[in-house]
Amino acid sequence: MTHEEPGALRAGVAAACRQLADAGLLVGTAGNVSARSGDLVAVTGTGVVLAGCTADDVTVVSTTGDVVEGRLAPTSELALHLGVYDDHPCAQVGAVVHTHAPFATAVACVLDELPVLHYQQLALGGAVRVAPYATFGTDALAAHVRAALSGRSAALLANHGSVTVGATLEKAVENALLLEWLCQLHHRATALGTPRALTAEQQADVVRVAIERGYGSTREVR
């Protein structure tokens, strides 16, 4: 992860919020986004309408939650964000995206785990766990999310929404968009019948071939 000045970090978080809102993953004030640079975390302020989020609506805090810069109190889910960062080194998790995206939230109201129906889900680490329900903004919810994210880049929150992480803000947003697509896929597949989940052997083959062929990476023509 590169170290960014607080101003650039705040602008990046605001831009990510607008992108996610444009994609329909953030509605009104529901959801929050953060990005980390060194010992600083830029996170959306409480009560911000995220479709119009600006850098001024993003607050910078220390990794212990003390406000360093900004006019707004940070999101009520600050403990969730800081807890995830505390569990992961900067190179692994540099940003956290929490949304109430419609398909992800619907799946989180029904399933205990999102099975792997499509190989692209392996980019998130495999089957996506659903963290047990807890009231928003509580330490209990933060703990459930941290456990559900173990070995994963995404987690669903029972009857609540979703969380994705990434080494960069761009990757965390990309993972949020992918998770919503996967949840929509599950919804559509289930409407047609009983979905076929990929077996452990099939998933292992996908990983092997992806590594061999450099799947998802651009490369020059030889």
C-alpha atoms as a PDB file:
ATOM      1  CA  MET A   1       0.000   0.000   0.000  1.00  0.00           C
ATOM      2  CA  THR A   2       1.265   3.489  -0.850  1.00  0.00           C
ATOM      3  CA  HIS A   3       1.260   6.226   1.752  1.00  0.00           C
ATOM      4  CA  GLU A   4      -1.094   9.059   0.858  1.00  0.00           C
ATOM      5  CA  GLU A   5      -1.597  12.503   2.309  1.00  0.00           C
ATOM      6  CA  PRO A   6      -4.823  12.874   4.329  1.00  0.00           C
ATOM      7  CA  GLY A   7      -6.368  15.134   1.673  1.00  0.00           C
ATOM      8  CA  ALA A   8      -5.825  12.602  -1.096  1.00  0.00           C
ATOM      9  CA  LEU A   9      -7.062   9.794   1.134  1.00  0.00           C
ATOM     10  CA  ARG A  10     -10.269  11.686   1.917  1.00  0.00           C
ATOM     11  CA  ALA A  11     -10.863  12.469  -1.758  1.00  0.00           C
ATOM     12  CA  GLY A  12     -10.358   8.823  -2.681  1.00  0.00           C
ATOM     13  CA  VAL A  13     -12.898   7.615  -0.113  1.00  0.00           C
ATOM     14  CA  ALA A  14     -15.425  10.191  -1.313  1.00  0.00           C
ATOM     15  CA  ALA A  15     -14.944   9.139  -4.943  1.00  0.00           C
ATOM     16  CA  ALA A  16     -15.390   5.467  -3.987  1.00  0.00           C
ATOM     17  CA  CYS A  17     -18.674   6.304  -2.242  1.00  0.00           C
ATOM     18  CA  ARG A  18     -20.000   8.068  -5.335  1.00  0.00           C
ATOM     19  CA  GLN A  19     -18.966   5.144  -7.553  1.00  0.00           C
ATOM     20  CA  LEU A  20     -20.688   2.614  -5.291  1.00  0.00           C
ATOM     21  CA  ALA A  21     -23.820   4.776  -5.093  1.00  0.00           C
ATOM     22  CA  ASP A  22     -23.897   5.098  -8.888  1.00  0.00           C
ATOM     23  CA  ALA A  23     -23.752   1.284  -9.077  1.00  0.00           C
ATOM     24  CA  GLY A  24     -26.710   1.008  -6.684  1.00  0.00           C
ATOM     25  CA  LEU A  25     -24.740  -0.485  -3.779  1.00  0.00           C
ATOM     26  CA  LEU A  26     -25.085   2.532  -1.483  1.00  0.00           C
ATOM     27  CA  VAL A  27     -28.443   4.222  -0.896  1.00  0.00           C
ATOM     28  CA  GLY A  28     -28.892   7.386   1.143  1.00  0.00           C
ATOM     29  CA  THR A  29     -26.787   7.298   4.306  1.00  0.00           C
ATOM     30  CA  ALA A  30     -26.705   3.477   4.517  1.00  0.00           C
ATOM     31  CA  GLY A  31     -23.144   2.167   4.354  1.00  0.00           C
ATOM     32  CA  ASN A  32     -19.628   3.425   4.963  1.00  0.00           C
ATOM     33  CA  VAL A  33     -16.194   3.333   3.363  1.00  0.00           C
ATOM     34  CA  SER A  34     -12.673   3.746   4.708  1.00  0.00           C
ATOM     35  CA  ALA A  35      -9.080   3.673   3.505  1.00  0.00           C
ATOM     36  CA  ARG A  36      -5.869   3.389   5.497  1.00  0.00           C
ATOM     37  CA  SER A  37      -2.485   4.982   4.969  1.00  0.00           C
ATOM     38  CA  GLY A  38       0.093   4.189   7.620  1.00  0.00           C
ATOM     39  CA  ASP A  39      -1.374   5.051  11.013  1.00  0.00           C
ATOM     40  CA  LEU A  40      -4.237   7.096   9.557  1.00  0.00           C
ATOM     41  CA  VAL A  41      -7.694   5.978   8.445  1.00  0.00           C
ATOM     42  CA  ALA A  42     -10.020   8.122   6.335  1.00  0.00           C
ATOM     43  CA  VAL A  43     -13.637   7.105   6.916  1.00  0.00           C
ATOM     44  CA  THR A  44     -17.020   8.477   5.933  1.00  0.00           C
ATOM     45  CA  GLY A  45     -18.679  10.730   8.456  1.00  0.00           C
ATOM     46  CA  THR A  46     -21.901   9.786  10.163  1.00  0.00           C
ATOM     47  CA  GLY A  47     -25.137  10.724   8.403  1.00  0.00           C
ATOM     48  CA  VAL A  48     -23.537  11.534   5.048  1.00  0.00           C
ATOM     49  CA  VAL A  49     -25.632  11.027   1.899  1.00  0.00           C
ATOM     50  CA  LEU A  50     -23.059   8.909   0.148  1.00  0.00           C
ATOM     51  CA  ALA A  51     -24.101   9.578  -3.455  1.00  0.00           C
ATOM     52  CA  GLY A  52     -22.943  13.162  -2.975  1.00  0.00           C
ATOM     53  CA  CYS A  53     -20.020  12.462  -0.664  1.00  0.00           C
ATOM     54  CA  THR A  54     -17.137  14.928  -0.880  1.00  0.00           C
ATOM     55  CA  ALA A  55     -13.723  14.956   0.752  1.00  0.00           C
ATOM     56  CA  ASP A  56     -15.148  17.327   3.379  1.00  0.00           C
ATOM     57  CA  ASP A  57     -17.599  14.570   4.411  1.00  0.00           C
ATOM     58  CA  VAL A  58     -14.726  12.188   5.200  1.00  0.00           C
ATOM     59  CA  THR A  59     -12.980  12.216   8.578  1.00  0.00           C
ATOM     60  CA  VAL A  60      -9.431  11.134   9.301  1.00  0.00           C
ATOM     61  CA  VAL A  61      -8.822   9.181  12.510  1.00  0.00           C
ATOM     62  CA  SER A  62      -5.891   7.400  14.069  1.00  0.00           C
ATOM     63  CA  THR A  63      -5.877   3.602  14.257  1.00  0.00           C
ATOM     64  CA  THR A  64      -7.122   4.011  17.843  1.00  0.00           C
ATOM     65  CA  GLY A  65     -10.104   6.087  16.691  1.00  0.00           C
ATOM     66  CA  ASP A  66      -8.973   9.583  17.678  1.00  0.00           C
ATOM     67  CA  VAL A  67     -10.089  12.257  15.204  1.00  0.00           C
ATOM     68  CA  VAL A  68      -7.125  13.824  13.410  1.00  0.00           C
ATOM     69  CA  GLU A  69      -8.848  15.834  10.695  1.00  0.00           C
ATOM     70  CA  GLY A  70     -12.414  16.591   9.612  1.00  0.00           C
ATOM     71  CA  ARG A  71     -15.598  18.311  10.773  1.00  0.00           C
ATOM     72  CA  LEU A  72     -17.875  15.281  11.137  1.00  0.00           C
ATOM     73  CA  ALA A  73     -17.995  12.513  13.699  1.00  0.00           C
ATOM     74  CA  PRO A  74     -16.960   9.250  12.002  1.00  0.00           C
ATOM     75  CA  THR A  75     -19.457   6.550  11.055  1.00  0.00           C
ATOM     76  CA  SER A  76     -21.101   4.539  13.827  1.00  0.00           C
ATOM     77  CA  GLU A  77     -19.381   1.473  12.312  1.00  0.00           C
ATOM     78  CA  LEU A  78     -15.902   2.828  13.062  1.00  0.00           C
ATOM     79  CA  ALA A  79     -15.142  -0.111  15.385  1.00  0.00           C
ATOM     80  CA  LEU A  80     -15.839  -2.518  12.525  1.00  0.00           C
ATOM     81  CA  HIS A  81     -13.390  -0.739  10.219  1.00  0.00           C
ATOM     82  CA  LEU A  82     -10.649  -0.368  12.816  1.00  0.00           C
ATOM     83  CA  GLY A  83     -11.082  -3.969  13.926  1.00  0.00           C
ATOM     84  CA  VAL A  84     -10.546  -5.241  10.385  1.00  0.00           C
ATOM     85  CA  TYR A  85      -7.413  -3.123  10.025  1.00  0.00           C
ATOM     86  CA  ASP A  86      -6.147  -4.355  13.368  1.00  0.00           C
ATOM     87  CA  ASP A  87      -6.427  -7.942  12.105  1.00  0.00           C
ATOM     88  CA  HIS A  88      -4.551  -7.370   8.847  1.00  0.00           C
ATOM     89  CA  PRO A  89      -1.246  -5.795   7.766  1.00  0.00           C
ATOM     90  CA  CYS A  90      -1.407  -2.719   5.525  1.00  0.00           C
ATOM     91  CA  ALA A  91      -0.196  -4.658   2.489  1.00  0.00           C
ATOM     92  CA  GLN A  92      -3.180  -7.009   2.780  1.00  0.00           C
ATOM     93  CA  VAL A  93      -6.018  -4.643   3.702  1.00  0.00           C
ATOM     94  CA  GLY A  94      -5.805  -0.970   2.845  1.00  0.00           C
ATOM     95  CA  ALA A  95      -9.540  -0.300   2.525  1.00  0.00           C
ATOM     96  CA  VAL A  96     -12.909  -1.481   3.837  1.00  0.00           C
ATOM     97  CA  VAL A  97     -16.275  -1.121   2.082  1.00  0.00           C
ATOM     98  CA  HIS A  98     -19.553  -1.715   3.926  1.00  0.00           C
ATOM     99  CA  THR A  99     -22.773  -1.578   1.907  1.00  0.00           C
ATOM    100  CA  HIS A 100     -26.438  -2.459   2.152  1.00  0.00           C
ATOM    101  CA  ALA A 101     -26.428  -3.583  -1.492  1.00  0.00           C
ATOM    102  CA  PRO A 102     -29.825  -5.121  -2.400  1.00  0.00           C
ATOM    103  CA  PHE A 103     -28.846  -8.621  -3.550  1.00  0.00           C
ATOM    104  CA  ALA A 104     -26.086  -9.065  -0.969  1.00  0.00           C
ATOM    105  CA  THR A 105     -28.452  -7.973   1.783  1.00  0.00           C
ATOM    106  CA  ALA A 106     -31.193 -10.298   0.515  1.00  0.00           C
ATOM    107  CA  VAL A 107     -28.800 -13.271   0.539  1.00  0.00           C
ATOM    108  CA  ALA A 108     -27.674 -12.278   4.036  1.00  0.00           C
ATOM    109  CA  CYS A 109     -31.306 -12.529   5.180  1.00  0.00           C
ATOM    110  CA  VAL A 110     -31.605 -16.146   4.024  1.00  0.00           C
ATOM    111  CA  LEU A 111     -28.315 -18.060   3.805  1.00  0.00           C
ATOM    112  CA  ASP A 112     -25.614 -18.964   6.310  1.00  0.00           C
ATOM    113  CA  GLU A 113     -23.027 -19.004   3.526  1.00  0.00           C
ATOM    114  CA  LEU A 114     -22.886 -17.998  -0.147  1.00  0.00           C
ATOM    115  CA  PRO A 115     -21.676 -21.127  -1.985  1.00  0.00           C
ATOM    116  CA  VAL A 116     -19.283 -20.997  -4.926  1.00  0.00           C
ATOM    117  CA  LEU A 117     -21.458 -21.204  -8.035  1.00  0.00           C
ATOM    118  CA  HIS A 118     -19.038 -19.336 -10.291  1.00  0.00           C
ATOM    119  CA  TYR A 119     -15.251 -19.528 -10.358  1.00  0.00           C
ATOM    120  CA  GLN A 120     -14.889 -15.741 -10.081  1.00  0.00           C
ATOM    121  CA  GLN A 121     -15.987 -16.047  -6.451  1.00  0.00           C
ATOM    122  CA  LEU A 122     -12.604 -17.611  -5.703  1.00  0.00           C
ATOM    123  CA  ALA A 123     -11.159 -14.100  -6.077  1.00  0.00           C
ATOM    124  CA  LEU A 124     -12.899 -13.399  -2.753  1.00  0.00           C
ATOM    125  CA  GLY A 125     -11.407 -16.508  -1.138  1.00  0.00           C
ATOM    126  CA  GLY A 126     -14.199 -19.035  -1.681  1.00  0.00           C
ATOM    127  CA  ALA A 127     -17.578 -19.479  -0.015  1.00  0.00           C
ATOM    128  CA  VAL A 128     -18.627 -16.196   1.585  1.00  0.00           C
ATOM    129  CA  ARG A 129     -19.579 -16.558   5.248  1.00  0.00           C
ATOM    130  CA  VAL A 130     -22.574 -14.819   6.794  1.00  0.00           C
ATOM    131  CA  ALA A 131     -21.624 -13.189  10.095  1.00  0.00           C
ATOM    132  CA  PRO A 132     -24.227 -13.750  12.846  1.00  0.00           C
ATOM    133  CA  TYR A 133     -26.633 -10.885  13.444  1.00  0.00           C
ATOM    134  CA  ALA A 134     -25.722  -8.175  15.933  1.00  0.00           C
ATOM    135  CA  THR A 135     -26.895  -4.594  16.328  1.00  0.00           C
ATOM    136  CA  PHE A 136     -25.138  -2.123  14.050  1.00  0.00           C
ATOM    137  CA  GLY A 137     -22.267  -0.145  15.547  1.00  0.00           C
ATOM    138  CA  THR A 138     -21.600  -2.664  18.327  1.00  0.00           C
ATOM    139  CA  ASP A 139     -18.399  -4.436  19.271  1.00  0.00           C
ATOM    140  CA  ALA A 140     -20.271  -7.721  18.828  1.00  0.00           C
ATOM    141  CA  LEU A 141     -20.953  -6.968  15.160  1.00  0.00           C
ATOM    142  CA  ALA A 142     -17.339  -5.923  14.619  1.00  0.00           C
ATOM    143  CA  ALA A 143     -16.127  -9.208  16.145  1.00  0.00           C
ATOM    144  CA  HIS A 144     -18.521 -11.287  14.013  1.00  0.00           C
ATOM    145  CA  VAL A 145     -17.342  -9.552  10.843  1.00  0.00           C
ATOM    146  CA  ARG A 146     -13.675 -10.045  11.693  1.00  0.00           C
ATOM    147  CA  ALA A 147     -14.268 -13.773  12.143  1.00  0.00           C
ATOM    148  CA  ALA A 148     -16.262 -14.075   8.927  1.00  0.00           C
ATOM    149  CA  LEU A 149     -13.492 -12.328   6.978  1.00  0.00           C
ATOM    150  CA  SER A 150     -10.807 -14.787   8.067  1.00  0.00           C
ATOM    151  CA  GLY A 151      -9.136 -15.957   4.859  1.00  0.00           C
ATOM    152  CA  ARG A 152     -11.668 -14.010   2.770  1.00  0.00           C
ATOM    153  CA  SER A 153     -12.001 -10.628   1.067  1.00  0.00           C
ATOM    154  CA  ALA A 154     -15.758 -10.497   1.650  1.00  0.00           C
ATOM    155  CA  ALA A 155     -18.344 -11.275   4.291  1.00  0.00           C
ATOM    156  CA  LEU A 156     -22.103 -10.978   4.508  1.00  0.00           C
ATOM    157  CA  LEU A 157     -23.783  -9.601   7.639  1.00  0.00           C
ATOM    158  CA  ALA A 158     -26.972 -11.422   8.637  1.00  0.00           C
ATOM    159  CA  ASN A 159     -30.056  -9.255   8.007  1.00  0.00           C
ATOM    160  CA  HIS A 160     -27.810  -6.257   7.434  1.00  0.00           C
ATOM    161  CA  GLY A 161     -25.481  -6.052   4.423  1.00  0.00           C
ATOM    162  CA  SER A 162     -21.947  -6.835   3.341  1.00  0.00           C
ATOM    163  CA  VAL A 163     -18.294  -5.955   3.913  1.00  0.00           C
ATOM    164  CA  THR A 164     -15.446  -6.258   1.429  1.00  0.00           C
ATOM    165  CA  VAL A 165     -11.776  -5.466   1.835  1.00  0.00           C
ATOM    166  CA  GLY A 166      -8.829  -4.956  -0.474  1.00  0.00           C
ATOM    167  CA  ALA A 167      -5.178  -4.012  -0.509  1.00  0.00           C
ATOM    168  CA  THR A 168      -6.287  -0.754  -2.156  1.00  0.00           C
ATOM    169  CA  LEU A 169      -9.488   1.250  -2.185  1.00  0.00           C
ATOM    170  CA  GLU A 170      -9.983   0.353  -5.837  1.00  0.00           C
ATOM    171  CA  LYS A 171      -9.730  -3.367  -5.031  1.00  0.00           C
ATOM    172  CA  ALA A 172     -12.158  -3.138  -2.107  1.00  0.00           C
ATOM    173  CA  VAL A 173     -14.688  -1.422  -4.385  1.00  0.00           C
ATOM    174  CA  GLU A 174     -14.086  -4.020  -7.104  1.00  0.00           C
ATOM    175  CA  ASN A 175     -14.723  -6.774  -4.555  1.00  0.00           C
ATOM    176  CA  ALA A 176     -17.968  -5.110  -3.454  1.00  0.00           C
ATOM    177  CA  LEU A 177     -19.178  -4.990  -7.057  1.00  0.00           C
ATOM    178  CA  LEU A 178     -18.178  -8.627  -7.588  1.00  0.00           C
ATOM    179  CA  LEU A 179     -19.935  -9.763  -4.419  1.00  0.00           C
ATOM    180  CA  GLU A 180     -23.152  -8.048  -5.463  1.00  0.00           C
ATOM    181  CA  TRP A 181     -22.966  -9.711  -8.898  1.00  0.00           C
ATOM    182  CA  LEU A 182     -22.419 -13.110  -7.269  1.00  0.00           C
ATOM    183  CA  CYS A 183     -25.393 -12.604  -4.954  1.00  0.00           C
ATOM    184  CA  GLN A 184     -27.544 -11.587  -7.915  1.00  0.00           C
ATOM    185  CA  LEU A 185     -26.348 -14.685  -9.768  1.00  0.00           C
ATOM    186  CA  HIS A 186     -27.341 -16.873  -6.812  1.00  0.00           C
ATOM    187  CA  HIS A 187     -30.773 -15.260  -6.711  1.00  0.00           C
ATOM    188  CA  ARG A 188     -31.357 -15.865 -10.412  1.00  0.00           C
ATOM    189  CA  ALA A 189     -29.993 -19.409 -10.357  1.00  0.00           C
ATOM    190  CA  THR A 190     -32.145 -20.307  -7.366  1.00  0.00           C
ATOM    191  CA  ALA A 191     -35.233 -19.005  -9.179  1.00  0.00           C
ATOM    192  CA  LEU A 192     -34.505 -21.473 -11.991  1.00  0.00           C
ATOM    193  CA  GLY A 193     -33.901 -24.492  -9.762  1.00  0.00           C
ATOM    194  CA  THR A 194     -31.307 -25.924  -7.388  1.00  0.00           C
ATOM    195  CA  PRO A 195     -27.909 -24.362  -8.157  1.00  0.00           C
ATOM    196  CA  ARG A 196     -24.843 -26.582  -8.725  1.00  0.00           C
ATOM    197  CA  ALA A 197     -21.988 -25.458  -6.501  1.00  0.00           C
ATOM    198  CA  LEU A 198     -18.409 -26.044  -7.658  1.00  0.00           C
ATOM    199  CA  THR A 199     -16.750 -28.926  -5.835  1.00  0.00           C
ATOM    200  CA  ALA A 200     -13.533 -28.514  -3.864  1.00  0.00           C
ATOM    201  CA  GLU A 201     -11.683 -30.291  -6.679  1.00  0.00           C
ATOM    202  CA  GLN A 202     -13.142 -27.975  -9.319  1.00  0.00           C
ATOM    203  CA  GLN A 203     -12.208 -24.946  -7.241  1.00  0.00           C
ATOM    204  CA  ALA A 204      -8.643 -26.213  -6.829  1.00  0.00           C
ATOM    205  CA  ASP A 205      -8.383 -26.683 -10.603  1.00  0.00           C
ATOM    206  CA  VAL A 206      -9.518 -23.094 -11.158  1.00  0.00           C
ATOM    207  CA  VAL A 207      -6.829 -21.794  -8.823  1.00  0.00           C
ATOM    208  CA  ARG A 208      -4.173 -23.917 -10.520  1.00  0.00           C
ATOM    209  CA  VAL A 209      -5.098 -22.819 -14.033  1.00  0.00           C
ATOM    210  CA  ALA A 210      -5.422 -19.166 -12.988  1.00  0.00           C
ATOM    211  CA  ILE A 211      -1.877 -19.230 -11.607  1.00  0.00           C
ATOM    212  CA  GLU A 212      -0.500 -21.019 -14.667  1.00  0.00           C
ATOM    213  CA  ARG A 213      -2.119 -18.612 -17.115  1.00  0.00           C
ATOM    214  CA  GLY A 214      -1.865 -15.394 -15.119  1.00  0.00           C
ATOM    215  CA  TYR A 215      -5.662 -15.036 -15.204  1.00  0.00           C
ATOM    216  CA  GLY A 216      -6.888 -11.489 -14.627  1.00  0.00           C
ATOM    217  CA  SER A 217      -3.553  -9.844 -15.421  1.00  0.00           C
ATOM    218  CA  THR A 218      -2.745  -7.925 -18.573  1.00  0.00           C
ATOM    219  CA  ARG A 219       0.325  -8.997 -20.542  1.00  0.00           C
ATOM    220  CA  GLU A 220       2.059  -8.068 -23.761  1.00  0.00           C
ATOM    221  CA  VAL A 221       1.587 -10.070 -26.960  1.00  0.00           C
ATOM    222  CA  ARG A 222       4.568 -12.377 -27.473  1.00  0.00           C
END
